[in-house]
PDB file of N, CA and C in Angstrom:
ATOM      1  N   MET A   1      -3.578  22.446  -1.620  1.00  0.00           N
ATOM      2  CA  MET A   1      -3.246  21.092  -2.060  1.00  0.00           C
ATOM      3  C   MET A   1      -1.954  21.121  -2.872  1.00  0.00           C
ATOM      4  N   PHE A   2      -1.126  20.132  -2.647  1.00  0.00           N
ATOM      5  CA  PHE A   2       0.101  19.999  -3.413  1.00  0.00           C
ATOM      6  C   PHE A   2      -0.246  19.522  -4.823  1.00  0.00           C
ATOM      7  N   ASN A   3       0.476  20.047  -5.801  1.00  0.00           N
ATOM      8  CA  ASN A   3       0.313  19.581  -7.166  1.00  0.00           C
ATOM      9  C   ASN A   3       1.670  19.093  -7.657  1.00  0.00           C
ATOM     10  N   TYR A   4       1.731  17.831  -8.036  1.00  0.00           N
ATOM     11  CA  TYR A   4       2.984  17.205  -8.440  1.00  0.00           C
ATOM     12  C   TYR A   4       3.161  17.161  -9.952  1.00  0.00           C
ATOM     13  N   ASN A   5       2.222  17.744 -10.704  1.00  0.00           N
ATOM     14  CA  ASN A   5       2.250  17.632 -12.159  1.00  0.00           C
ATOM     15  C   ASN A   5       3.520  18.247 -12.757  1.00  0.00           C
ATOM     16  N   ASN A   6       4.153  17.485 -13.634  1.00  0.00           N
ATOM     17  CA  ASN A   6       5.360  17.900 -14.369  1.00  0.00           C
ATOM     18  C   ASN A   6       6.552  18.190 -13.458  1.00  0.00           C
ATOM     19  N   LYS A   7       6.601  17.565 -12.291  1.00  0.00           N
ATOM     20  CA  LYS A   7       7.738  17.728 -11.389  1.00  0.00           C
ATOM     21  C   LYS A   7       8.607  16.474 -11.421  1.00  0.00           C
ATOM     22  N   SER A   8       9.907  16.662 -11.268  1.00  0.00           N
ATOM     23  CA  SER A   8      10.853  15.544 -11.209  1.00  0.00           C
ATOM     24  C   SER A   8      11.449  15.472  -9.818  1.00  0.00           C
ATOM     25  N   PHE A   9      11.637  14.254  -9.332  1.00  0.00           N
ATOM     26  CA  PHE A   9      12.168  14.006  -7.993  1.00  0.00           C
ATOM     27  C   PHE A   9      13.337  13.042  -8.074  1.00  0.00           C
ATOM     28  N   ARG A  10      14.261  13.189  -7.115  1.00  0.00           N
ATOM     29  CA  ARG A  10      15.433  12.313  -7.030  1.00  0.00           C
ATOM     30  C   ARG A  10      15.635  11.932  -5.560  1.00  0.00           C
ATOM     31  N   PRO A  11      15.920  10.656  -5.282  1.00  0.00           N
ATOM     32  CA  PRO A  11      16.157  10.237  -3.894  1.00  0.00           C
ATOM     33  C   PRO A  11      17.383  10.913  -3.286  1.00  0.00           C
ATOM     34  N   VAL A  12      17.264  11.263  -1.998  1.00  0.00           N
ATOM     35  CA  VAL A  12      18.403  11.770  -1.232  1.00  0.00           C
ATOM     36  C   VAL A  12      18.800  10.776  -0.139  1.00  0.00           C
ATOM     37  N   SER A  13      17.894   9.837   0.183  1.00  0.00           N
ATOM     38  CA  SER A  13      18.228   8.760   1.118  1.00  0.00           C
ATOM     39  C   SER A  13      17.264   7.605   0.905  1.00  0.00           C
ATOM     40  N   ASN A  14      17.722   6.401   1.260  1.00  0.00           N
ATOM     41  CA  ASN A  14      16.890   5.214   1.138  1.00  0.00           C
ATOM     42  C   ASN A  14      17.434   4.135   2.067  1.00  0.00           C
ATOM     43  N   SER A  15      16.548   3.242   2.497  1.00  0.00           N
ATOM     44  CA  SER A  15      16.963   2.093   3.299  1.00  0.00           C
ATOM     45  C   SER A  15      17.831   1.166   2.448  1.00  0.00           C
ATOM     46  N   GLU A  16      18.669   0.377   3.102  1.00  0.00           N
ATOM     47  CA  GLU A  16      19.574  -0.539   2.396  1.00  0.00           C
ATOM     48  C   GLU A  16      18.852  -1.512   1.478  1.00  0.00           C
ATOM     49  N   ASN A  17      17.637  -1.912   1.857  1.00  0.00           N
ATOM     50  CA  ASN A  17      16.887  -2.901   1.083  1.00  0.00           C
ATOM     51  C   ASN A  17      16.133  -2.282  -0.090  1.00  0.00           C
ATOM     52  N   GLY A  18      16.281  -0.980  -0.319  1.00  0.00           N
ATOM     53  CA  GLY A  18      15.633  -0.308  -1.437  1.00  0.00           C
ATOM     54  C   GLY A  18      16.487  -0.365  -2.684  1.00  0.00           C
ATOM     55  N   GLU A  19      15.882  -0.067  -3.826  1.00  0.00           N
ATOM     56  CA  GLU A  19      16.606  -0.109  -5.093  1.00  0.00           C
ATOM     57  C   GLU A  19      16.831   1.275  -5.699  1.00  0.00           C
ATOM     58  N   THR A  20      16.184   2.306  -5.183  1.00  0.00           N
ATOM     59  CA  THR A  20      16.413   3.640  -5.729  1.00  0.00           C
ATOM     60  C   THR A  20      17.681   4.244  -5.141  1.00  0.00           C
ATOM     61  N   SER A  21      18.254   5.176  -5.893  1.00  0.00           N
ATOM     62  CA  SER A  21      19.469   5.873  -5.465  1.00  0.00           C
ATOM     63  C   SER A  21      19.440   7.276  -6.054  1.00  0.00           C
ATOM     64  N   ALA A  22      20.500   8.039  -5.821  1.00  0.00           N
ATOM     65  CA  ALA A  22      20.590   9.397  -6.368  1.00  0.00           C
ATOM     66  C   ALA A  22      20.582   9.387  -7.896  1.00  0.00           C
ATOM     67  N   ASP A  23      20.803   8.229  -8.509  1.00  0.00           N
ATOM     68  CA  ASP A  23      20.779   8.111  -9.971  1.00  0.00           C
ATOM     69  C   ASP A  23      19.383   7.849 -10.521  1.00  0.00           C
ATOM     70  N   THR A  24      18.395   7.644  -9.644  1.00  0.00           N
ATOM     71  CA  THR A  24      17.017   7.379 -10.064  1.00  0.00           C
ATOM     72  C   THR A  24      16.262   8.699 -10.159  1.00  0.00           C
ATOM     73  N   VAL A  25      15.560   8.895 -11.273  1.00  0.00           N
ATOM     74  CA  VAL A  25      14.759  10.105 -11.452  1.00  0.00           C
ATOM     75  C   VAL A  25      13.309   9.704 -11.697  1.00  0.00           C
ATOM     76  N   PHE A  26      12.413  10.324 -10.922  1.00  0.00           N
ATOM     77  CA  PHE A  26      10.971  10.119 -11.042  1.00  0.00           C
ATOM     78  C   PHE A  26      10.372  11.322 -11.761  1.00  0.00           C
ATOM     79  N   HIS A  27       9.556  11.087 -12.794  1.00  0.00           N
ATOM     80  CA  HIS A  27       8.862  12.152 -13.518  1.00  0.00           C
ATOM     81  C   HIS A  27       7.373  12.018 -13.215  1.00  0.00           C
ATOM     82  N   TYR A  28       6.855  12.936 -12.391  1.00  0.00           N
ATOM     83  CA  TYR A  28       5.471  12.859 -11.916  1.00  0.00           C
ATOM     84  C   TYR A  28       4.509  13.593 -12.854  1.00  0.00           C
ATOM     85  N   GLN A  29       3.335  13.007 -13.019  1.00  0.00           N
ATOM     86  CA  GLN A  29       2.210  13.631 -13.723  1.00  0.00           C
ATOM     87  C   GLN A  29       0.999  13.512 -12.798  1.00  0.00           C
ATOM     88  N   GLN A  30       0.196  14.551 -12.732  1.00  0.00           N
ATOM     89  CA  GLN A  30      -0.988  14.523 -11.877  1.00  0.00           C
ATOM     90  C   GLN A  30      -2.174  15.125 -12.607  1.00  0.00           C
ATOM     91  N   THR A  31      -3.285  14.404 -12.585  1.00  0.00           N
ATOM     92  CA  THR A  31      -4.562  14.888 -13.109  1.00  0.00           C
ATOM     93  C   THR A  31      -5.591  14.717 -12.004  1.00  0.00           C
ATOM     94  N   GLY A  32      -6.114  15.825 -11.491  1.00  0.00           N
ATOM     95  CA  GLY A  32      -7.010  15.744 -10.339  1.00  0.00           C
ATOM     96  C   GLY A  32      -6.232  15.173  -9.166  1.00  0.00           C
ATOM     97  N   ASN A  33      -6.758  14.116  -8.567  1.00  0.00           N
ATOM     98  CA  ASN A  33      -6.043  13.492  -7.441  1.00  0.00           C
ATOM     99  C   ASN A  33      -5.289  12.230  -7.864  1.00  0.00           C
ATOM    100  N   ILE A  34      -5.200  11.971  -9.170  1.00  0.00           N
ATOM    101  CA  ILE A  34      -4.510  10.774  -9.664  1.00  0.00           C
ATOM    102  C   ILE A  34      -3.091  11.135 -10.071  1.00  0.00           C
ATOM    103  N   LEU A  35      -2.133  10.411  -9.508  1.00  0.00           N
ATOM    104  CA  LEU A  35      -0.716  10.635  -9.765  1.00  0.00           C
ATOM    105  C   LEU A  35      -0.140   9.437 -10.497  1.00  0.00           C
ATOM    106  N   THR A  36       0.677   9.693 -11.511  1.00  0.00           N
ATOM    107  CA  THR A  36       1.420   8.628 -12.190  1.00  0.00           C
ATOM    108  C   THR A  36       2.865   9.066 -12.325  1.00  0.00           C
ATOM    109  N   SER A  37       3.750   8.099 -12.530  1.00  0.00           N
ATOM    110  CA  SER A  37       5.151   8.424 -12.734  1.00  0.00           C
ATOM    111  C   SER A  37       5.842   7.304 -13.492  1.00  0.00           C
ATOM    112  N   GLU A  38       6.768   7.704 -14.331  1.00  0.00           N
ATOM    113  CA  GLU A  38       7.745   6.785 -14.900  1.00  0.00           C
ATOM    114  C   GLU A  38       9.062   7.131 -14.240  1.00  0.00           C
ATOM    115  N   TYR A  39       9.887   6.117 -13.986  1.00  0.00           N
ATOM    116  CA  TYR A  39      11.173   6.373 -13.366  1.00  0.00           C
ATOM    117  C   TYR A  39      12.202   5.351 -13.817  1.00  0.00           C
ATOM    118  N   ALA A  40      13.469   5.715 -13.713  1.00  0.00           N
ATOM    119  CA  ALA A  40      14.574   4.844 -14.102  1.00  0.00           C
ATOM    120  C   ALA A  40      15.860   5.439 -13.540  1.00  0.00           C
ATOM    121  N   GLY A  41      16.908   4.617 -13.554  1.00  0.00           N
ATOM    122  CA  GLY A  41      18.227   5.067 -13.135  1.00  0.00           C
ATOM    123  C   GLY A  41      18.786   4.229 -12.013  1.00  0.00           C
ATOM    124  N   GLY A  42      20.107   4.141 -11.966  1.00  0.00           N
ATOM    125  CA  GLY A  42      20.754   3.321 -10.947  1.00  0.00           C
ATOM    126  C   GLY A  42      20.438   1.857 -11.172  1.00  0.00           C
ATOM    127  N   GLN A  43      19.960   1.173 -10.131  1.00  0.00           N
ATOM    128  CA  GLN A  43      19.630  -0.256 -10.219  1.00  0.00           C
ATOM    129  C   GLN A  43      18.331  -0.519 -10.972  1.00  0.00           C
ATOM    130  N   ILE A  44      17.589   0.531 -11.331  1.00  0.00           N
ATOM    131  CA  ILE A  44      16.266   0.362 -11.934  1.00  0.00           C
ATOM    132  C   ILE A  44      16.316   0.661 -13.422  1.00  0.00           C
ATOM    133  N   LYS A  45      15.970  -0.364 -14.230  1.00  0.00           N
ATOM    134  CA  LYS A  45      15.914  -0.172 -15.680  1.00  0.00           C
ATOM    135  C   LYS A  45      14.701   0.658 -16.068  1.00  0.00           C
ATOM    136  N   VAL A  46      13.546   0.306 -15.514  1.00  0.00           N
ATOM    137  CA  VAL A  46      12.319   1.060 -15.774  1.00  0.00           C
ATOM    138  C   VAL A  46      11.323   0.779 -14.658  1.00  0.00           C
ATOM    139  N   GLY A  47      10.550   1.806 -14.287  1.00  0.00           N
ATOM    140  CA  GLY A  47       9.536   1.636 -13.259  1.00  0.00           C
ATOM    141  C   GLY A  47       8.362   2.551 -13.505  1.00  0.00           C
ATOM    142  N   HIS A  48       7.223   2.193 -12.919  1.00  0.00           N
ATOM    143  CA  HIS A  48       6.004   2.991 -13.002  1.00  0.00           C
ATOM    144  C   HIS A  48       5.335   2.993 -11.637  1.00  0.00           C
ATOM    145  N   LEU A  49       4.647   4.072 -11.350  1.00  0.00           N
ATOM    146  CA  LEU A  49       3.839   4.090 -10.138  1.00  0.00           C
ATOM    147  C   LEU A  49       2.513   4.758 -10.445  1.00  0.00           C
ATOM    148  N   ILE A  50       1.520   4.422  -9.643  1.00  0.00           N
ATOM    149  CA  ILE A  50       0.210   5.070  -9.713  1.00  0.00           C
ATOM    150  C   ILE A  50      -0.248   5.301  -8.282  1.00  0.00           C
ATOM    151  N   GLY A  51      -0.846   6.452  -8.052  1.00  0.00           N
ATOM    152  CA  GLY A  51      -1.261   6.763  -6.694  1.00  0.00           C
ATOM    153  C   GLY A  51      -2.390   7.760  -6.645  1.00  0.00           C
ATOM    154  N   LEU A  52      -2.883   7.944  -5.438  1.00  0.00           N
ATOM    155  CA  LEU A  52      -3.918   8.937  -5.154  1.00  0.00           C
ATOM    156  C   LEU A  52      -3.351   9.968  -4.193  1.00  0.00           C
ATOM    157  N   VAL A  53      -3.624  11.234  -4.470  1.00  0.00           N
ATOM    158  CA  VAL A  53      -3.151  12.344  -3.651  1.00  0.00           C
ATOM    159  C   VAL A  53      -4.326  12.853  -2.828  1.00  0.00           C
ATOM    160  N   ASP A  54      -4.144  12.927  -1.498  1.00  0.00           N
ATOM    161  CA  ASP A  54      -5.238  13.434  -0.668  1.00  0.00           C
ATOM    162  C   ASP A  54      -5.154  14.959  -0.548  1.00  0.00           C
ATOM    163  N   LYS A  55      -6.079  15.563   0.192  1.00  0.00           N
ATOM    164  CA  LYS A  55      -6.169  17.024   0.293  1.00  0.00           C
ATOM    165  C   LYS A  55      -4.942  17.654   0.943  1.00  0.00           C
ATOM    166  N   ASN A  56      -4.141  16.861   1.684  1.00  0.00           N
ATOM    167  CA  ASN A  56      -2.923  17.356   2.322  1.00  0.00           C
ATOM    168  C   ASN A  56      -1.669  17.066   1.505  1.00  0.00           C
ATOM    169  N   GLY A  57      -1.856  16.481   0.310  1.00  0.00           N
ATOM    170  CA  GLY A  57      -0.722  16.163  -0.549  1.00  0.00           C
ATOM    171  C   GLY A  57      -0.084  14.820  -0.273  1.00  0.00           C
ATOM    172  N   VAL A  58      -0.641  14.058   0.667  1.00  0.00           N
ATOM    173  CA  VAL A  58      -0.108  12.721   0.979  1.00  0.00           C
ATOM    174  C   VAL A  58      -0.474  11.783  -0.172  1.00  0.00           C
ATOM    175  N   ILE A  59       0.516  11.002  -0.609  1.00  0.00           N
ATOM    176  CA  ILE A  59       0.328  10.098  -1.741  1.00  0.00           C
ATOM    177  C   ILE A  59       0.276   8.655  -1.241  1.00  0.00           C
ATOM    178  N   ASP A  60      -0.771   7.930  -1.651  1.00  0.00           N
ATOM    179  CA  ASP A  60      -0.903   6.489  -1.417  1.00  0.00           C
ATOM    180  C   ASP A  60      -0.679   5.850  -2.777  1.00  0.00           C
ATOM    181  N   MET A  61       0.428   5.105  -2.938  1.00  0.00           N
ATOM    182  CA  MET A  61       0.794   4.614  -4.268  1.00  0.00           C
ATOM    183  C   MET A  61       1.154   3.139  -4.290  1.00  0.00           C
ATOM    184  N   ARG A  62       1.141   2.613  -5.494  1.00  0.00           N
ATOM    185  CA  ARG A  62       1.620   1.268  -5.799  1.00  0.00           C
ATOM    186  C   ARG A  62       2.652   1.413  -6.909  1.00  0.00           C
ATOM    187  N   TYR A  63       3.680   0.584  -6.867  1.00  0.00           N
ATOM    188  CA  TYR A  63       4.717   0.694  -7.894  1.00  0.00           C
ATOM    189  C   TYR A  63       5.181  -0.675  -8.357  1.00  0.00           C
ATOM    190  N   HIS A  64       5.735  -0.688  -9.566  1.00  0.00           N
ATOM    191  CA  HIS A  64       6.399  -1.879 -10.092  1.00  0.00           C
ATOM    192  C   HIS A  64       7.588  -1.423 -10.924  1.00  0.00           C
ATOM    193  N   GLN A  65       8.613  -2.249 -10.913  1.00  0.00           N
ATOM    194  CA  GLN A  65       9.842  -1.876 -11.606  1.00  0.00           C
ATOM    195  C   GLN A  65      10.619  -3.117 -12.014  1.00  0.00           C
ATOM    196  N   VAL A  66      11.479  -2.950 -13.028  1.00  0.00           N
ATOM    197  CA  VAL A  66      12.407  -3.997 -13.448  1.00  0.00           C
ATOM    198  C   VAL A  66      13.796  -3.529 -13.047  1.00  0.00           C
ATOM    199  N   ASN A  67      14.491  -4.345 -12.248  1.00  0.00           N
ATOM    200  CA  ASN A  67      15.817  -3.948 -11.782  1.00  0.00           C
ATOM    201  C   ASN A  67      16.914  -4.480 -12.712  1.00  0.00           C
ATOM    202  N   GLU A  68      18.158  -4.163 -12.385  1.00  0.00           N
ATOM    203  CA  GLU A  68      19.286  -4.547 -13.238  1.00  0.00           C
ATOM    204  C   GLU A  68      19.488  -6.063 -13.301  1.00  0.00           C
ATOM    205  N   ASN A  69      18.856  -6.818 -12.392  1.00  0.00           N
ATOM    206  CA  ASN A  69      18.908  -8.286 -12.434  1.00  0.00           C
ATOM    207  C   ASN A  69      17.751  -8.869 -13.242  1.00  0.00           C
ATOM    208  N   ASN A  70      17.011  -8.000 -13.929  1.00  0.00           N
ATOM    209  CA  ASN A  70      15.833  -8.391 -14.719  1.00  0.00           C
ATOM    210  C   ASN A  70      14.753  -9.046 -13.877  1.00  0.00           C
ATOM    211  N   GLU A  71      14.611  -8.572 -12.637  1.00  0.00           N
ATOM    212  CA  GLU A  71      13.536  -9.024 -11.755  1.00  0.00           C
ATOM    213  C   GLU A  71      12.442  -7.966 -11.738  1.00  0.00           C
ATOM    214  N   ILE A  72      11.191  -8.418 -11.749  1.00  0.00           N
ATOM    215  CA  ILE A  72      10.077  -7.506 -11.566  1.00  0.00           C
ATOM    216  C   ILE A  72       9.822  -7.396 -10.068  1.00  0.00           C
ATOM    217  N   MET A  73       9.909  -6.178  -9.559  1.00  0.00           N
ATOM    218  CA  MET A  73       9.685  -5.923  -8.143  1.00  0.00           C
ATOM    219  C   MET A  73       8.458  -5.026  -8.004  1.00  0.00           C
ATOM    220  N   THR A  74       7.653  -5.278  -6.966  1.00  0.00           N
ATOM    221  CA  THR A  74       6.435  -4.501  -6.731  1.00  0.00           C
ATOM    222  C   THR A  74       6.384  -4.042  -5.286  1.00  0.00           C
ATOM    223  N   GLY A  75       5.627  -2.974  -5.044  1.00  0.00           N
ATOM    224  CA  GLY A  75       5.516  -2.497  -3.677  1.00  0.00           C
ATOM    225  C   GLY A  75       4.435  -1.462  -3.490  1.00  0.00           C
ATOM    226  N   ILE A  76       4.282  -1.066  -2.229  1.00  0.00           N
ATOM    227  CA  ILE A  76       3.344  -0.016  -1.829  1.00  0.00           C
ATOM    228  C   ILE A  76       4.136   1.065  -1.099  1.00  0.00           C
ATOM    229  N   CYS A  77       3.621   2.289  -1.155  1.00  0.00           N
ATOM    230  CA  CYS A  77       4.341   3.398  -0.547  1.00  0.00           C
ATOM    231  C   CYS A  77       3.364   4.478  -0.115  1.00  0.00           C
ATOM    232  N   ARG A  78       3.686   5.125   0.994  1.00  0.00           N
ATOM    233  CA  ARG A  78       2.957   6.308   1.462  1.00  0.00           C
ATOM    234  C   ARG A  78       3.968   7.432   1.555  1.00  0.00           C
ATOM    235  N   SER A  79       3.700   8.530   0.831  1.00  0.00           N
ATOM    236  CA  SER A  79       4.619   9.666   0.783  1.00  0.00           C
ATOM    237  C   SER A  79       3.965  10.886   1.417  1.00  0.00           C
ATOM    238  N   VAL A  80       4.661  11.482   2.373  1.00  0.00           N
ATOM    239  CA  VAL A  80       4.162  12.661   3.079  1.00  0.00           C
ATOM    240  C   VAL A  80       5.015  13.860   2.660  1.00  0.00           C
ATOM    241  N   PRO A  81       4.364  14.923   2.120  1.00  0.00           N
ATOM    242  CA  PRO A  81       5.128  16.058   1.614  1.00  0.00           C
ATOM    243  C   PRO A  81       5.576  17.036   2.695  1.00  0.00           C
ATOM    244  N   GLU A  82       6.693  17.685   2.397  1.00  0.00           N
ATOM    245  CA  GLU A  82       7.203  18.796   3.199  1.00  0.00           C
ATOM    246  C   GLU A  82       7.576  19.887   2.209  1.00  0.00           C
ATOM    247  N   LEU A  83       7.097  21.096   2.423  1.00  0.00           N
ATOM    248  CA  LEU A  83       7.452  22.216   1.566  1.00  0.00           C
ATOM    249  C   LEU A  83       8.735  22.840   2.107  1.00  0.00           C
ATOM    250  N   LEU A  84       9.767  22.866   1.288  1.00  0.00           N
ATOM    251  CA  LEU A  84      11.060  23.405   1.698  1.00  0.00           C
ATOM    252  C   LEU A  84      11.073  24.931   1.575  1.00  0.00           C
ATOM    253  N   PRO A  85      11.983  25.610   2.282  1.00  0.00           N
ATOM    254  CA  PRO A  85      12.055  27.071   2.216  1.00  0.00           C
ATOM    255  C   PRO A  85      12.227  27.617   0.792  1.00  0.00           C
ATOM    256  N   ASN A  86      12.857  26.831  -0.086  1.00  0.00           N
ATOM    257  CA  ASN A  86      13.068  27.270  -1.469  1.00  0.00           C
ATOM    258  C   ASN A  86      11.852  27.014  -2.363  1.00  0.00           C
ATOM    259  N   GLY A  87      10.743  26.515  -1.774  1.00  0.00           N
ATOM    260  CA  GLY A  87       9.527  26.271  -2.539  1.00  0.00           C
ATOM    261  C   GLY A  87       9.440  24.886  -3.157  1.00  0.00           C
ATOM    262  N   LYS A  88      10.527  24.124  -3.086  1.00  0.00           N
ATOM    263  CA  LYS A  88      10.542  22.758  -3.629  1.00  0.00           C
ATOM    264  C   LYS A  88       9.878  21.806  -2.630  1.00  0.00           C
ATOM    265  N   ILE A  89       9.532  20.621  -3.118  1.00  0.00           N
ATOM    266  CA  ILE A  89       8.849  19.613  -2.292  1.00  0.00           C
ATOM    267  C   ILE A  89       9.813  18.488  -1.930  1.00  0.00           C
ATOM    268  N   ARG A  90       9.787  18.105  -0.668  1.00  0.00           N
ATOM    269  CA  ARG A  90      10.501  16.914  -0.185  1.00  0.00           C
ATOM    270  C   ARG A  90       9.431  15.911   0.235  1.00  0.00           C
ATOM    271  N   LEU A  91       9.586  14.647  -0.177  1.00  0.00           N
ATOM    272  CA  LEU A  91       8.640  13.593   0.183  1.00  0.00           C
ATOM    273  C   LEU A  91       9.297  12.594   1.124  1.00  0.00           C
ATOM    274  N   HIS A  92       8.658  12.363   2.262  1.00  0.00           N
ATOM    275  CA  HIS A  92       9.110  11.383   3.250  1.00  0.00           C
ATOM    276  C   HIS A  92       8.292  10.121   3.014  1.00  0.00           C
ATOM    277  N   GLU A  93       8.968   9.047   2.618  1.00  0.00           N
ATOM    278  CA  GLU A  93       8.278   7.845   2.153  1.00  0.00           C
ATOM    279  C   GLU A  93       8.471   6.655   3.088  1.00  0.00           C
ATOM    280  N   THR A  94       7.376   5.959   3.315  1.00  0.00           N
ATOM    281  CA  THR A  94       7.383   4.683   4.036  1.00  0.00           C
ATOM    282  C   THR A  94       6.869   3.652   3.049  1.00  0.00           C
ATOM    283  N   TRP A  95       7.660   2.612   2.788  1.00  0.00           N
ATOM    284  CA  TRP A  95       7.300   1.665   1.746  1.00  0.00           C
ATOM    285  C   TRP A  95       7.514   0.212   2.189  1.00  0.00           C
ATOM    286  N   GLN A  96       6.917  -0.688   1.403  1.00  0.00           N
ATOM    287  CA  GLN A  96       7.090  -2.120   1.632  1.00  0.00           C
ATOM    288  C   GLN A  96       7.038  -2.844   0.298  1.00  0.00           C
ATOM    289  N   TRP A  97       7.957  -3.767   0.133  1.00  0.00           N
ATOM    290  CA  TRP A  97       7.912  -4.646  -1.038  1.00  0.00           C
ATOM    291  C   TRP A  97       6.701  -5.566  -0.929  1.00  0.00           C
ATOM    292  N   THR A  98       6.026  -5.789  -2.057  1.00  0.00           N
ATOM    293  CA  THR A  98       4.954  -6.794  -2.126  1.00  0.00           C
ATOM    294  C   THR A  98       5.428  -7.968  -2.972  1.00  0.00           C
ATOM    295  N   SER A  99       6.728  -8.029  -3.179  1.00  0.00           N
ATOM    296  CA  SER A  99       7.400  -9.142  -3.849  1.00  0.00           C
ATOM    297  C   SER A  99       8.740  -9.326  -3.149  1.00  0.00           C
ATOM    298  N   GLY A 100       9.499 -10.319  -3.576  1.00  0.00           N
ATOM    299  CA  GLY A 100      10.800 -10.543  -2.942  1.00  0.00           C
ATOM    300  C   GLY A 100      10.652 -10.900  -1.480  1.00  0.00           C
ATOM    301  N   ASP A 101      11.360 -10.177  -0.611  1.00  0.00           N
ATOM    302  CA  ASP A 101      11.360 -10.522   0.822  1.00  0.00           C
ATOM    303  C   ASP A 101      10.285  -9.794   1.636  1.00  0.00           C
ATOM    304  N   TYR A 102       9.466  -8.964   1.000  1.00  0.00           N
ATOM    305  CA  TYR A 102       8.372  -8.237   1.664  1.00  0.00           C
ATOM    306  C   TYR A 102       8.865  -7.299   2.769  1.00  0.00           C
ATOM    307  N   SER A 103      10.128  -6.918   2.716  1.00  0.00           N
ATOM    308  CA  SER A 103      10.672  -6.039   3.744  1.00  0.00           C
ATOM    309  C   SER A 103      10.149  -4.609   3.580  1.00  0.00           C
ATOM    310  N   LYS A 104      10.357  -3.818   4.637  1.00  0.00           N
ATOM    311  CA  LYS A 104       9.902  -2.429   4.674  1.00  0.00           C
ATOM    312  C   LYS A 104      11.097  -1.493   4.665  1.00  0.00           C
ATOM    313  N   GLY A 105      10.829  -0.227   4.329  1.00  0.00           N
ATOM    314  CA  GLY A 105      11.903   0.746   4.336  1.00  0.00           C
ATOM    315  C   GLY A 105      11.382   2.165   4.355  1.00  0.00           C
ATOM    316  N   HIS A 106      12.330   3.100   4.401  1.00  0.00           N
ATOM    317  CA  HIS A 106      12.040   4.537   4.406  1.00  0.00           C
ATOM    318  C   HIS A 106      12.962   5.212   3.406  1.00  0.00           C
ATOM    319  N   SER A 107      12.439   6.196   2.715  1.00  0.00           N
ATOM    320  CA  SER A 107      13.243   6.965   1.792  1.00  0.00           C
ATOM    321  C   SER A 107      12.783   8.417   1.803  1.00  0.00           C
ATOM    322  N   VAL A 108      13.658   9.270   1.283  1.00  0.00           N
ATOM    323  CA  VAL A 108      13.341  10.676   1.135  1.00  0.00           C
ATOM    324  C   VAL A 108      13.714  11.043  -0.298  1.00  0.00           C
ATOM    325  N   ILE A 109      12.770  11.685  -1.007  1.00  0.00           N
ATOM    326  CA  ILE A 109      13.063  12.178  -2.343  1.00  0.00           C
ATOM    327  C   ILE A 109      12.759  13.672  -2.382  1.00  0.00           C
ATOM    328  N   GLU A 110      13.500  14.401  -3.229  1.00  0.00           N
ATOM    329  CA  GLU A 110      13.322  15.844  -3.325  1.00  0.00           C
ATOM    330  C   GLU A 110      13.133  16.273  -4.760  1.00  0.00           C
ATOM    331  N   GLU A 111      12.319  17.313  -4.916  1.00  0.00           N
ATOM    332  CA  GLU A 111      12.081  17.889  -6.222  1.00  0.00           C
ATOM    333  C   GLU A 111      13.379  18.481  -6.768  1.00  0.00           C
ATOM    334  N   GLU A 112      13.601  18.247  -8.058  1.00  0.00           N
ATOM    335  CA  GLU A 112      14.810  18.807  -8.698  1.00  0.00           C
ATOM    336  C   GLU A 112      14.584  20.258  -9.097  1.00  0.00           C
TER     337      GLU A 112
END
């Protein structure tokens, strides 16, 4: 099982309709199968996520954030892990806004 506790991640790619960028840093904490994170940077002033990690390391999460326009944005995301040759984790994410235009997107984040 993947353990995300005390790991930091940074986006390497995102859909145009997303708000994260290479300036956004996610700080993950995990207790059992419960994952939480605080994040900020780039267009995001502050954000939080909560999720459940399954036996394969796949994360089912919900997130909310305040962007630079002072809008509260919310969404859902499914992250599928890939173990890189250097031992770091890459997450392939499929997400959808549950506010704003309800659009969908894809992103990739990697452990720092």
